Protein backbone atom coordinates (compact mmCIF):
# COMPACT_ATOMS: atom_id res chain seq x y z
CA MET A 1 7.62 -6.25 32.39
CA ALA A 2 10.81 -8.44 33.08
CA LEU A 3 14.44 -8.20 31.72
CA LEU A 4 16.48 -11.17 29.67
CA THR A 5 19.75 -10.81 28.02
CA VAL A 6 21.18 -12.77 25.57
CA THR A 7 24.73 -13.48 24.82
CA LEU A 8 24.90 -14.43 21.46
CA GLY A 9 26.88 -17.86 20.25
CA ALA A 10 28.49 -18.75 16.46
CA GLY A 11 24.96 -20.13 15.35
CA ALA A 12 21.71 -19.35 16.50
CA THR A 13 21.15 -18.88 20.25
CA ARG A 14 17.97 -19.93 22.38
CA PHE A 15 16.74 -17.37 24.49
CA THR A 16 16.07 -19.34 27.84
CA ALA A 17 17.03 -22.89 28.49
CA ALA A 18 13.80 -23.60 31.07
CA PRO A 19 10.52 -23.15 29.65
CA LEU A 20 9.51 -19.26 30.19
CA ARG A 21 5.76 -18.01 29.24
CA ALA A 22 5.57 -14.55 27.95
CA MET A 23 2.35 -12.88 25.85
CA GLN A 24 4.70 -9.84 24.11
CA LEU A 25 8.46 -9.20 23.84
CA LYS A 26 10.40 -5.97 23.52
CA VAL A 27 13.68 -6.43 21.90
CA TRP A 28 17.02 -4.30 21.15
CA GLN A 29 20.09 -5.61 19.74
CA GLY A 30 23.66 -4.93 20.70
CA ALA A 31 27.01 -3.50 18.68
CA ALA A 32 25.94 -5.41 16.07
CA ALA A 33 23.02 -6.59 13.23
CA SER A 34 20.47 -9.19 15.12
CA TYR A 35 17.61 -11.19 14.23
CA VAL A 36 14.94 -13.69 16.01
CA GLY A 37 12.96 -15.94 15.03
CA ASP A 38 11.18 -19.17 17.19
CA SER A 39 13.29 -21.10 15.23
CA SER A 40 16.71 -22.47 15.51
CA SER A 41 17.26 -22.50 11.53
CA VAL A 42 16.79 -18.43 12.20
CA SER A 43 19.15 -16.75 10.12
CA ALA A 44 19.35 -13.15 8.19
CA SER A 45 17.34 -14.15 5.06
CA ASN A 46 14.08 -15.15 7.72
CA GLY A 47 14.56 -13.70 10.98
CA ILE A 48 12.87 -10.56 12.45
CA PRO A 49 15.38 -7.46 12.67
CA VAL A 50 16.08 -6.29 15.64
CA ARG A 51 16.96 -2.85 16.37
CA VAL A 52 19.79 -0.80 17.80
CA ALA A 53 19.38 -0.30 21.46
CA SER A 54 18.91 3.84 21.58
CA PRO A 55 16.86 6.47 24.18
CA THR A 56 15.59 7.77 20.86
CA THR A 57 14.68 5.08 18.81
CA ASP A 58 11.86 2.19 19.65
CA PRO A 59 12.36 -1.64 20.27
CA THR A 60 11.46 -4.37 18.24
CA THR A 61 7.85 -5.64 18.92
CA ILE A 62 6.90 -8.91 18.91
CA GLY A 63 3.18 -9.64 20.15
CA PRO A 64 1.24 -9.46 22.11
CA PHE A 65 0.19 -12.76 21.24
CA THR A 66 -3.66 -13.16 21.56
CA SER A 67 -3.57 -16.87 20.31
CA GLY A 68 -1.83 -17.58 23.94
CA ALA A 69 1.67 -17.14 25.65
CA ILE A 70 4.66 -18.07 23.63
CA ASN A 71 8.09 -20.29 25.64
CA LEU A 72 11.41 -18.22 25.33
CA ASN A 73 13.16 -21.79 25.30
CA GLN A 74 11.64 -22.28 21.68
CA TRP A 75 12.45 -18.50 20.01
CA TYR A 76 16.14 -17.84 18.75
CA ALA A 77 18.65 -14.77 18.25
CA ILE A 78 21.41 -14.50 15.86
CA GLY A 79 23.93 -12.15 15.29
CA THR A 80 27.97 -11.18 15.86
CA ALA A 81 29.08 -14.14 18.26
CA ALA A 82 29.70 -12.50 21.76
CA ASP A 83 26.93 -9.52 20.99
CA VAL A 84 24.03 -9.22 23.53
CA VAL A 85 20.24 -8.64 22.90
CA TYR A 86 18.58 -7.56 25.44
CA ILE A 87 14.44 -8.79 25.75
CA GLN A 88 11.92 -7.07 27.92
CA TYR A 89 8.68 -9.46 28.23
CA THR A 90 5.42 -9.58 30.14
CA PRO A 91 5.03 -12.72 31.95
CA GLU A 92 1.94 -14.44 31.35
CA GLU A 93 -0.42 -14.06 34.33
């Protein structure tokens, strides 16, 4: 699995600028609550809640995507500005 970190901005922050295809995601939040989703309108009320990074807590797992890979440049995270969301992903082969 490959690793990616996303430093959150003031609003929804795109995972990557360039297309990067993934078959599964494992996501941890940084210091504060964060949410992810496949739309720039992701929010606390319509996003997938991300678990706190911890050695005893499993990450939030999204996938595997059985209908094909997703583009990480079409996924967004939202939370406290300057916080970090950590993503481990399975690249498309």
